[in-house]
């Protein structure tokens, strides 16, 4: 049994690869991804689950990595923004200018990827409901909605 200061090497299934990281029981998944595995796409922002900048997919469900412990995710499939490079939703964000400063963009892309895979026929109400878990200070969200709709219309869901 690990205590809060003991470190252990544990396996993670991240972006289709088996990786190992040194963690403590109190380490968040966000900390492990950024500081131990060098995956900096999930952003450290509010650290209380309000903004969505740290979003990752855990077993294909969007999750705020600042709110979950690393040790709770060692047997789950984790996908970060780095694992979605070239994905249809990422392309839709670029093509529809659904970015401004870019800080929140990885979290939005992760969340929208989860939305599209879970609701391939999402209507406006479903899109707006899913977008509520992420905050952007730069856009009016119109371009993000347009990108989601473009990805849905393309039907190129991965």
N, C-alpha and C. Protein backbone atom coordinates (compact mmCIF):
# COMPACT_ATOMS: atom_id res chain seq x y z
N UNK A 1 0.84 -1.18 0.00
CA UNK A 1 0.00 0.00 0.00
C UNK A 1 0.88 1.24 0.00
N UNK A 2 0.58 2.18 -0.86
CA UNK A 2 1.35 3.41 -0.94
C UNK A 2 0.75 4.45 -0.01
N UNK A 3 1.62 5.22 0.65
CA UNK A 3 1.13 6.38 1.39
C UNK A 3 1.32 7.61 0.52
N UNK A 4 0.98 8.78 1.00
CA UNK A 4 1.02 10.00 0.19
C UNK A 4 2.39 10.42 -0.27
N UNK A 5 3.45 9.91 0.35
CA UNK A 5 4.80 10.33 -0.04
C UNK A 5 5.57 9.25 -0.78
N UNK A 6 5.11 8.02 -0.70
CA UNK A 6 5.78 6.92 -1.38
C UNK A 6 5.55 7.03 -2.88
N UNK A 7 6.58 6.80 -3.63
CA UNK A 7 6.48 6.82 -5.09
C UNK A 7 6.54 5.40 -5.63
N UNK A 8 5.84 5.19 -6.72
CA UNK A 8 5.86 3.88 -7.37
C UNK A 8 5.82 4.07 -8.88
N UNK A 9 6.37 3.12 -9.59
CA UNK A 9 6.31 3.12 -11.05
C UNK A 9 5.06 2.34 -11.44
N UNK A 10 4.15 2.99 -12.18
CA UNK A 10 2.91 2.34 -12.58
C UNK A 10 2.71 2.49 -14.09
N UNK A 11 2.00 1.53 -14.68
CA UNK A 11 1.75 1.59 -16.12
C UNK A 11 0.49 2.41 -16.44
N UNK A 12 0.50 3.05 -17.59
CA UNK A 12 -0.65 3.78 -18.11
C UNK A 12 -0.82 3.43 -19.58
N UNK A 13 -2.06 3.33 -20.02
CA UNK A 13 -2.38 3.14 -21.43
C UNK A 13 -2.74 4.51 -21.98
N UNK A 14 -1.78 5.14 -22.65
CA UNK A 14 -1.97 6.52 -23.11
C UNK A 14 -1.74 6.61 -24.61
N UNK A 15 -2.74 7.14 -25.30
CA UNK A 15 -2.65 7.37 -26.75
C UNK A 15 -2.22 6.11 -27.50
N UNK A 16 -2.76 4.99 -27.07
CA UNK A 16 -2.49 3.72 -27.74
C UNK A 16 -1.17 3.07 -27.39
N UNK A 17 -0.46 3.62 -26.42
CA UNK A 17 0.83 3.06 -26.00
C UNK A 17 0.80 2.74 -24.51
N UNK A 18 1.58 1.76 -24.13
CA UNK A 18 1.78 1.48 -22.71
C UNK A 18 2.97 2.29 -22.25
N UNK A 19 2.73 3.17 -21.27
CA UNK A 19 3.79 4.03 -20.74
C UNK A 19 3.86 3.82 -19.23
N UNK A 20 5.01 4.09 -18.66
CA UNK A 20 5.17 4.01 -17.21
C UNK A 20 5.51 5.39 -16.67
N UNK A 21 5.03 5.64 -15.45
CA UNK A 21 5.32 6.92 -14.79
C UNK A 21 5.54 6.67 -13.31
N UNK A 22 6.34 7.52 -12.72
CA UNK A 22 6.56 7.49 -11.28
C UNK A 22 5.52 8.42 -10.66
N UNK A 23 4.67 7.86 -9.79
CA UNK A 23 3.61 8.67 -9.19
C UNK A 23 3.55 8.44 -7.68
N UNK A 24 2.89 9.39 -7.02
CA UNK A 24 2.50 9.24 -5.62
C UNK A 24 0.98 9.08 -5.61
N UNK A 25 0.41 8.57 -4.55
CA UNK A 25 -1.03 8.35 -4.51
C UNK A 25 -1.82 9.64 -4.65
N UNK A 26 -1.26 10.76 -4.24
CA UNK A 26 -1.97 12.03 -4.32
C UNK A 26 -1.81 12.78 -5.62
N UNK A 27 -1.06 12.23 -6.57
CA UNK A 27 -0.84 12.92 -7.85
C UNK A 27 -2.10 12.87 -8.71
N UNK A 28 -2.46 14.02 -9.26
CA UNK A 28 -3.57 14.04 -10.20
C UNK A 28 -3.09 13.52 -11.55
N UNK A 29 -4.04 13.11 -12.35
CA UNK A 29 -3.71 12.67 -13.70
C UNK A 29 -3.09 13.82 -14.48
N UNK A 30 -3.58 15.03 -14.27
CA UNK A 30 -2.99 16.19 -14.94
C UNK A 30 -1.51 16.33 -14.61
N UNK A 31 -1.15 16.21 -13.34
CA UNK A 31 0.25 16.29 -12.92
C UNK A 31 1.08 15.21 -13.61
N UNK A 32 0.58 14.00 -13.60
CA UNK A 32 1.33 12.88 -14.18
C UNK A 32 1.53 13.07 -15.68
N UNK A 33 0.46 13.47 -16.37
CA UNK A 33 0.58 13.68 -17.81
C UNK A 33 1.62 14.75 -18.14
N UNK A 34 1.54 15.86 -17.47
CA UNK A 34 2.42 16.98 -17.78
C UNK A 34 3.83 16.81 -17.24
N UNK A 35 3.94 16.44 -15.97
CA UNK A 35 5.24 16.46 -15.30
C UNK A 35 6.02 15.15 -15.41
N UNK A 36 5.33 14.05 -15.52
CA UNK A 36 6.02 12.76 -15.57
C UNK A 36 6.10 12.18 -16.98
N UNK A 37 5.11 12.47 -17.81
CA UNK A 37 5.07 11.88 -19.15
C UNK A 37 5.33 12.88 -20.27
N UNK A 38 5.47 14.16 -19.94
CA UNK A 38 5.79 15.17 -20.93
C UNK A 38 4.68 15.48 -21.92
N UNK A 39 3.45 15.17 -21.57
CA UNK A 39 2.30 15.45 -22.42
C UNK A 39 1.66 16.75 -21.94
N UNK A 40 2.00 17.84 -22.56
CA UNK A 40 1.62 19.16 -22.05
C UNK A 40 0.35 19.73 -22.67
N UNK A 41 -0.34 18.96 -23.48
CA UNK A 41 -1.56 19.46 -24.12
C UNK A 41 -2.68 19.76 -23.15
N UNK A 42 -2.84 18.93 -22.14
CA UNK A 42 -3.84 19.21 -21.09
C UNK A 42 -3.27 20.35 -20.26
N UNK A 43 -4.02 21.43 -20.15
CA UNK A 43 -3.51 22.64 -19.51
C UNK A 43 -3.89 22.72 -18.03
N UNK A 44 -2.97 23.23 -17.25
CA UNK A 44 -3.21 23.50 -15.84
C UNK A 44 -3.81 24.90 -15.75
N UNK A 45 -5.04 24.98 -15.27
CA UNK A 45 -5.69 26.28 -15.18
C UNK A 45 -6.39 26.41 -13.83
N UNK A 46 -7.68 26.13 -13.78
CA UNK A 46 -8.43 26.37 -12.55
C UNK A 46 -8.14 25.33 -11.47
N UNK A 47 -7.79 24.13 -11.86
CA UNK A 47 -7.52 23.00 -10.97
C UNK A 47 -8.68 22.64 -10.05
N UNK A 48 -9.91 22.99 -10.45
CA UNK A 48 -11.07 22.55 -9.68
C UNK A 48 -12.22 22.10 -10.58
N UNK A 49 -11.92 21.82 -11.84
CA UNK A 49 -12.90 21.24 -12.75
C UNK A 49 -13.87 22.21 -13.38
N UNK A 50 -13.62 23.50 -13.27
CA UNK A 50 -14.56 24.48 -13.81
C UNK A 50 -14.31 24.86 -15.26
N UNK A 51 -13.06 24.74 -15.74
CA UNK A 51 -12.76 25.33 -17.05
C UNK A 51 -12.60 24.32 -18.19
N UNK A 52 -12.24 23.09 -17.91
CA UNK A 52 -12.09 22.09 -18.95
C UNK A 52 -10.78 22.13 -19.72
N UNK A 53 -9.88 23.03 -19.37
CA UNK A 53 -8.60 23.12 -20.09
C UNK A 53 -7.76 21.87 -19.94
N UNK A 54 -8.01 21.09 -18.90
CA UNK A 54 -7.23 19.89 -18.62
C UNK A 54 -7.90 18.61 -19.14
N UNK A 55 -8.93 18.75 -19.95
CA UNK A 55 -9.72 17.59 -20.38
C UNK A 55 -8.90 16.56 -21.14
N UNK A 56 -9.17 15.31 -20.83
CA UNK A 56 -8.64 14.15 -21.54
C UNK A 56 -9.78 13.15 -21.68
N UNK A 57 -9.59 12.17 -22.53
CA UNK A 57 -10.57 11.08 -22.64
C UNK A 57 -10.09 9.92 -21.78
N UNK A 58 -10.95 9.41 -20.93
CA UNK A 58 -10.67 8.23 -20.14
C UNK A 58 -11.73 7.20 -20.51
N UNK A 59 -11.29 6.11 -21.13
CA UNK A 59 -12.22 5.12 -21.69
C UNK A 59 -13.24 5.81 -22.60
N UNK A 60 -12.75 6.73 -23.42
CA UNK A 60 -13.53 7.47 -24.42
C UNK A 60 -14.53 8.46 -23.85
N UNK A 61 -14.47 8.75 -22.57
CA UNK A 61 -15.34 9.75 -21.94
C UNK A 61 -14.50 10.96 -21.54
N UNK A 62 -14.93 12.17 -21.88
CA UNK A 62 -14.18 13.36 -21.46
C UNK A 62 -14.15 13.45 -19.93
N UNK A 63 -12.99 13.81 -19.42
CA UNK A 63 -12.82 13.93 -17.97
C UNK A 63 -11.84 15.07 -17.71
N UNK A 64 -12.07 15.80 -16.63
CA UNK A 64 -11.13 16.83 -16.22
C UNK A 64 -10.02 16.14 -15.44
N UNK A 65 -8.82 16.17 -16.01
CA UNK A 65 -7.70 15.44 -15.41
C UNK A 65 -7.22 16.05 -14.10
N UNK A 66 -7.64 17.26 -13.80
CA UNK A 66 -7.27 17.88 -12.52
C UNK A 66 -8.09 17.32 -11.37
N UNK A 67 -9.17 16.61 -11.69
CA UNK A 67 -10.08 16.10 -10.65
C UNK A 67 -9.96 14.61 -10.39
N UNK A 68 -9.07 13.95 -11.09
CA UNK A 68 -8.94 12.51 -10.92
C UNK A 68 -7.50 12.17 -10.56
N UNK A 69 -7.35 11.19 -9.70
CA UNK A 69 -6.02 10.76 -9.30
C UNK A 69 -5.42 9.82 -10.34
N UNK A 70 -4.14 9.92 -10.53
CA UNK A 70 -3.45 9.05 -11.49
C UNK A 70 -3.67 7.58 -11.16
N UNK A 71 -3.56 7.25 -9.89
CA UNK A 71 -3.66 5.85 -9.45
C UNK A 71 -5.00 5.23 -9.82
N UNK A 72 -6.03 6.06 -9.98
CA UNK A 72 -7.36 5.57 -10.34
C UNK A 72 -7.49 5.27 -11.83
N UNK A 73 -6.47 5.58 -12.60
CA UNK A 73 -6.56 5.46 -14.05
C UNK A 73 -5.52 4.55 -14.68
N UNK A 74 -4.87 3.74 -13.87
CA UNK A 74 -3.80 2.89 -14.39
C UNK A 74 -4.32 1.76 -15.28
N UNK A 75 -5.57 1.39 -15.14
CA UNK A 75 -6.11 0.29 -15.95
C UNK A 75 -7.10 0.78 -16.99
N UNK A 76 -7.07 2.08 -17.30
CA UNK A 76 -8.00 2.67 -18.25
C UNK A 76 -7.26 3.19 -19.47
N UNK A 77 -8.01 3.35 -20.55
CA UNK A 77 -7.45 3.89 -21.79
C UNK A 77 -7.56 5.40 -21.76
N UNK A 78 -6.43 6.08 -21.81
CA UNK A 78 -6.38 7.54 -21.73
C UNK A 78 -5.96 8.09 -23.09
N UNK A 79 -6.70 9.10 -23.55
CA UNK A 79 -6.34 9.79 -24.79
C UNK A 79 -6.19 11.26 -24.47
N UNK A 80 -5.05 11.81 -24.83
CA UNK A 80 -4.80 13.24 -24.66
C UNK A 80 -4.91 13.92 -26.02
N UNK A 81 -4.81 15.22 -26.04
CA UNK A 81 -4.86 15.95 -27.30
C UNK A 81 -3.75 15.48 -28.24
N UNK A 82 -2.62 15.08 -27.69
CA UNK A 82 -1.53 14.58 -28.52
C UNK A 82 -1.95 13.32 -29.28
N UNK A 83 -2.85 12.54 -28.70
CA UNK A 83 -3.35 11.33 -29.34
C UNK A 83 -4.40 11.59 -30.40
N UNK A 84 -4.89 12.83 -30.47
CA UNK A 84 -5.89 13.18 -31.48
C UNK A 84 -5.30 14.00 -32.62
N UNK A 85 -3.99 14.02 -32.74
CA UNK A 85 -3.35 14.77 -33.81
C UNK A 85 -3.90 14.34 -35.16
N UNK A 86 -4.38 15.29 -35.94
CA UNK A 86 -4.92 15.01 -37.26
C UNK A 86 -6.32 14.45 -37.27
N UNK A 87 -6.98 14.43 -36.12
CA UNK A 87 -8.34 13.89 -36.04
C UNK A 87 -9.33 14.81 -36.77
N UNK A 88 -10.49 14.27 -37.15
CA UNK A 88 -11.48 15.10 -37.84
C UNK A 88 -11.89 16.34 -37.05
N UNK A 89 -12.07 16.23 -35.74
CA UNK A 89 -12.49 17.40 -34.98
C UNK A 89 -11.37 18.43 -34.90
N UNK A 90 -10.13 17.98 -34.81
CA UNK A 90 -9.02 18.94 -34.81
C UNK A 90 -8.98 19.69 -36.14
N UNK A 91 -9.14 18.96 -37.23
CA UNK A 91 -9.15 19.60 -38.55
C UNK A 91 -10.31 20.58 -38.66
N UNK A 92 -11.47 20.21 -38.13
CA UNK A 92 -12.64 21.10 -38.18
C UNK A 92 -12.40 22.37 -37.38
N UNK A 93 -11.71 22.28 -36.26
CA UNK A 93 -11.38 23.47 -35.47
C UNK A 93 -10.48 24.40 -36.27
N UNK A 94 -9.49 23.86 -36.94
CA UNK A 94 -8.57 24.68 -37.73
C UNK A 94 -9.30 25.31 -38.92
N UNK A 95 -10.06 24.50 -39.65
CA UNK A 95 -10.74 24.98 -40.85
C UNK A 95 -11.81 26.02 -40.55
N UNK A 96 -12.39 25.98 -39.34
CA UNK A 96 -13.47 26.90 -38.98
C UNK A 96 -13.04 27.98 -38.00
N UNK A 97 -11.75 28.16 -37.85
CA UNK A 97 -11.19 29.20 -36.98
C UNK A 97 -11.77 29.14 -35.57
N UNK A 98 -11.90 27.92 -35.03
CA UNK A 98 -12.48 27.73 -33.69
C UNK A 98 -11.41 27.85 -32.62
N UNK A 99 -10.51 28.77 -32.83
CA UNK A 99 -9.41 29.00 -31.89
C UNK A 99 -9.19 30.51 -31.78
N UNK A 100 -8.65 30.91 -30.68
CA UNK A 100 -8.20 32.30 -30.54
C UNK A 100 -6.79 32.21 -29.98
N UNK A 101 -6.65 32.34 -28.67
CA UNK A 101 -5.31 32.25 -28.09
C UNK A 101 -4.82 30.81 -28.07
N UNK A 102 -5.73 29.85 -28.08
CA UNK A 102 -5.37 28.43 -28.14
C UNK A 102 -5.25 27.74 -26.81
N UNK A 103 -5.32 28.45 -25.70
CA UNK A 103 -5.13 27.82 -24.39
C UNK A 103 -6.22 26.79 -24.11
N UNK A 104 -7.46 27.11 -24.40
CA UNK A 104 -8.56 26.19 -24.10
C UNK A 104 -8.80 25.18 -25.21
N UNK A 105 -8.20 25.39 -26.36
CA UNK A 105 -8.49 24.58 -27.55
C UNK A 105 -8.29 23.09 -27.34
N UNK A 106 -7.19 22.62 -26.72
CA UNK A 106 -7.05 21.17 -26.53
C UNK A 106 -8.21 20.56 -25.73
N UNK A 107 -8.62 21.25 -24.68
CA UNK A 107 -9.74 20.74 -23.87
C UNK A 107 -11.04 20.69 -24.66
N UNK A 108 -11.28 21.73 -25.47
CA UNK A 108 -12.47 21.73 -26.30
C UNK A 108 -12.44 20.62 -27.34
N UNK A 109 -11.30 20.41 -27.97
CA UNK A 109 -11.20 19.36 -28.99
C UNK A 109 -11.44 17.99 -28.35
N UNK A 110 -10.85 17.75 -27.19
CA UNK A 110 -11.08 16.49 -26.48
C UNK A 110 -12.56 16.31 -26.19
N UNK A 111 -13.17 17.34 -25.61
CA UNK A 111 -14.58 17.26 -25.24
C UNK A 111 -15.46 17.06 -26.48
N UNK A 112 -15.18 17.78 -27.54
CA UNK A 112 -15.97 17.67 -28.76
C UNK A 112 -15.78 16.32 -29.44
N UNK A 113 -14.59 15.77 -29.36
CA UNK A 113 -14.35 14.43 -29.89
C UNK A 113 -15.24 13.42 -29.15
N UNK A 114 -15.29 13.54 -27.83
CA UNK A 114 -16.17 12.67 -27.04
C UNK A 114 -17.63 12.86 -27.41
N UNK A 115 -18.05 14.10 -27.59
CA UNK A 115 -19.42 14.40 -27.98
C UNK A 115 -19.77 13.74 -29.30
N UNK A 116 -18.92 13.93 -30.29
CA UNK A 116 -19.19 13.41 -31.63
C UNK A 116 -19.26 11.88 -31.63
N UNK A 117 -18.38 11.24 -30.88
CA UNK A 117 -18.40 9.78 -30.83
C UNK A 117 -19.60 9.24 -30.07
N UNK A 118 -20.06 9.97 -29.08
CA UNK A 118 -21.21 9.52 -28.29
C UNK A 118 -22.54 9.91 -28.93
N UNK A 119 -22.55 11.06 -29.59
CA UNK A 119 -23.78 11.59 -30.21
C UNK A 119 -23.50 12.00 -31.65
N UNK A 120 -23.36 11.04 -32.56
CA UNK A 120 -23.02 11.38 -33.95
C UNK A 120 -24.10 12.18 -34.67
N UNK A 121 -25.28 12.27 -34.09
CA UNK A 121 -26.36 13.08 -34.66
C UNK A 121 -26.77 14.19 -33.70
N UNK A 122 -25.82 14.73 -32.98
CA UNK A 122 -26.10 15.73 -31.95
C UNK A 122 -26.84 16.94 -32.52
N UNK A 123 -27.86 17.36 -31.80
CA UNK A 123 -28.58 18.59 -32.17
C UNK A 123 -27.97 19.77 -31.42
N UNK A 124 -28.48 20.97 -31.69
CA UNK A 124 -27.94 22.18 -31.06
C UNK A 124 -27.97 22.11 -29.54
N UNK A 125 -29.05 21.59 -28.98
CA UNK A 125 -29.17 21.52 -27.52
C UNK A 125 -28.11 20.60 -26.92
N UNK A 126 -27.86 19.48 -27.57
CA UNK A 126 -26.83 18.54 -27.09
C UNK A 126 -25.45 19.17 -27.19
N UNK A 127 -25.18 19.83 -28.30
CA UNK A 127 -23.89 20.50 -28.49
C UNK A 127 -23.68 21.54 -27.39
N UNK A 128 -24.68 22.37 -27.16
CA UNK A 128 -24.55 23.41 -26.14
C UNK A 128 -24.39 22.82 -24.74
N UNK A 129 -25.08 21.74 -24.46
CA UNK A 129 -24.94 21.07 -23.16
C UNK A 129 -23.51 20.58 -22.96
N UNK A 130 -22.93 19.95 -23.97
CA UNK A 130 -21.57 19.43 -23.86
C UNK A 130 -20.55 20.56 -23.79
N UNK A 131 -20.81 21.65 -24.45
CA UNK A 131 -19.86 22.76 -24.43
C UNK A 131 -19.78 23.45 -23.07
N UNK A 132 -20.78 23.26 -22.23
CA UNK A 132 -20.81 23.92 -20.93
C UNK A 132 -19.69 23.47 -19.99
N UNK A 133 -19.07 22.35 -20.28
CA UNK A 133 -18.01 21.86 -19.39
C UNK A 133 -16.66 22.51 -19.67
N UNK A 134 -16.59 23.36 -20.70
CA UNK A 134 -15.35 24.03 -21.06
C UNK A 134 -15.59 25.53 -21.18
N UNK A 135 -14.59 26.30 -20.77
CA UNK A 135 -14.67 27.75 -20.85
C UNK A 135 -13.63 28.30 -21.81
N UNK A 136 -14.03 29.34 -22.52
CA UNK A 136 -13.12 30.09 -23.38
C UNK A 136 -13.35 31.56 -23.11
N UNK A 137 -12.27 32.29 -22.91
CA UNK A 137 -12.40 33.73 -22.65
C UNK A 137 -12.24 34.56 -23.92
N UNK A 138 -11.88 33.91 -25.02
CA UNK A 138 -11.58 34.67 -26.24
C UNK A 138 -12.67 34.63 -27.29
N UNK A 139 -13.43 33.56 -27.38
CA UNK A 139 -14.41 33.43 -28.47
C UNK A 139 -15.83 33.60 -27.94
N UNK A 140 -16.74 33.72 -28.85
CA UNK A 140 -18.15 33.73 -28.51
C UNK A 140 -18.75 32.35 -28.71
N UNK A 141 -17.92 31.34 -28.86
CA UNK A 141 -18.32 29.95 -29.02
C UNK A 141 -18.95 29.64 -30.38
N UNK A 142 -19.28 30.64 -31.19
CA UNK A 142 -19.92 30.39 -32.48
C UNK A 142 -19.03 29.53 -33.38
N UNK A 143 -17.75 29.86 -33.45
CA UNK A 143 -16.84 29.10 -34.30
C UNK A 143 -16.67 27.67 -33.81
N UNK A 144 -16.70 27.48 -32.50
CA UNK A 144 -16.58 26.13 -31.94
C UNK A 144 -17.81 25.31 -32.33
N UNK A 145 -18.99 25.89 -32.21
CA UNK A 145 -20.21 25.19 -32.63
C UNK A 145 -20.17 24.87 -34.12
N UNK A 146 -19.67 25.81 -34.92
CA UNK A 146 -19.55 25.58 -36.36
C UNK A 146 -18.60 24.41 -36.64
N UNK A 147 -17.50 24.35 -35.92
CA UNK A 147 -16.54 23.26 -36.11
C UNK A 147 -17.16 21.92 -35.74
N UNK A 148 -17.90 21.89 -34.64
CA UNK A 148 -18.56 20.64 -34.23
C UNK A 148 -19.54 20.20 -35.31
N UNK A 149 -20.35 21.13 -35.79
CA UNK A 149 -21.33 20.79 -36.82
C UNK A 149 -20.65 20.33 -38.10
N UNK A 150 -19.53 20.94 -38.45
CA UNK A 150 -18.80 20.53 -39.65
C UNK A 150 -18.29 19.10 -39.50
N UNK A 151 -17.76 18.78 -38.33
CA UNK A 151 -17.28 17.43 -38.09
C UNK A 151 -18.43 16.42 -38.10
N UNK A 152 -19.56 16.81 -37.53
CA UNK A 152 -20.73 15.93 -37.55
C UNK A 152 -21.22 15.69 -38.96
N UNK A 153 -21.28 16.75 -39.77
CA UNK A 153 -21.74 16.64 -41.15
C UNK A 153 -20.78 15.79 -41.99
N UNK A 154 -19.49 15.91 -41.72
CA UNK A 154 -18.51 15.13 -42.48
C UNK A 154 -18.67 13.63 -42.20
N UNK A 155 -19.17 13.34 -40.98
CA UNK A 155 -19.38 11.94 -40.63
C UNK A 155 -18.10 11.15 -40.50
N UNK A 156 -16.99 11.81 -40.48
CA UNK A 156 -15.67 11.16 -40.39
C UNK A 156 -15.27 11.04 -38.92
N UNK A 157 -15.99 10.22 -38.21
CA UNK A 157 -15.81 10.09 -36.77
C UNK A 157 -14.82 8.96 -36.47
N UNK A 158 -13.89 9.27 -35.59
CA UNK A 158 -12.87 8.28 -35.21
C UNK A 158 -13.00 7.99 -33.75
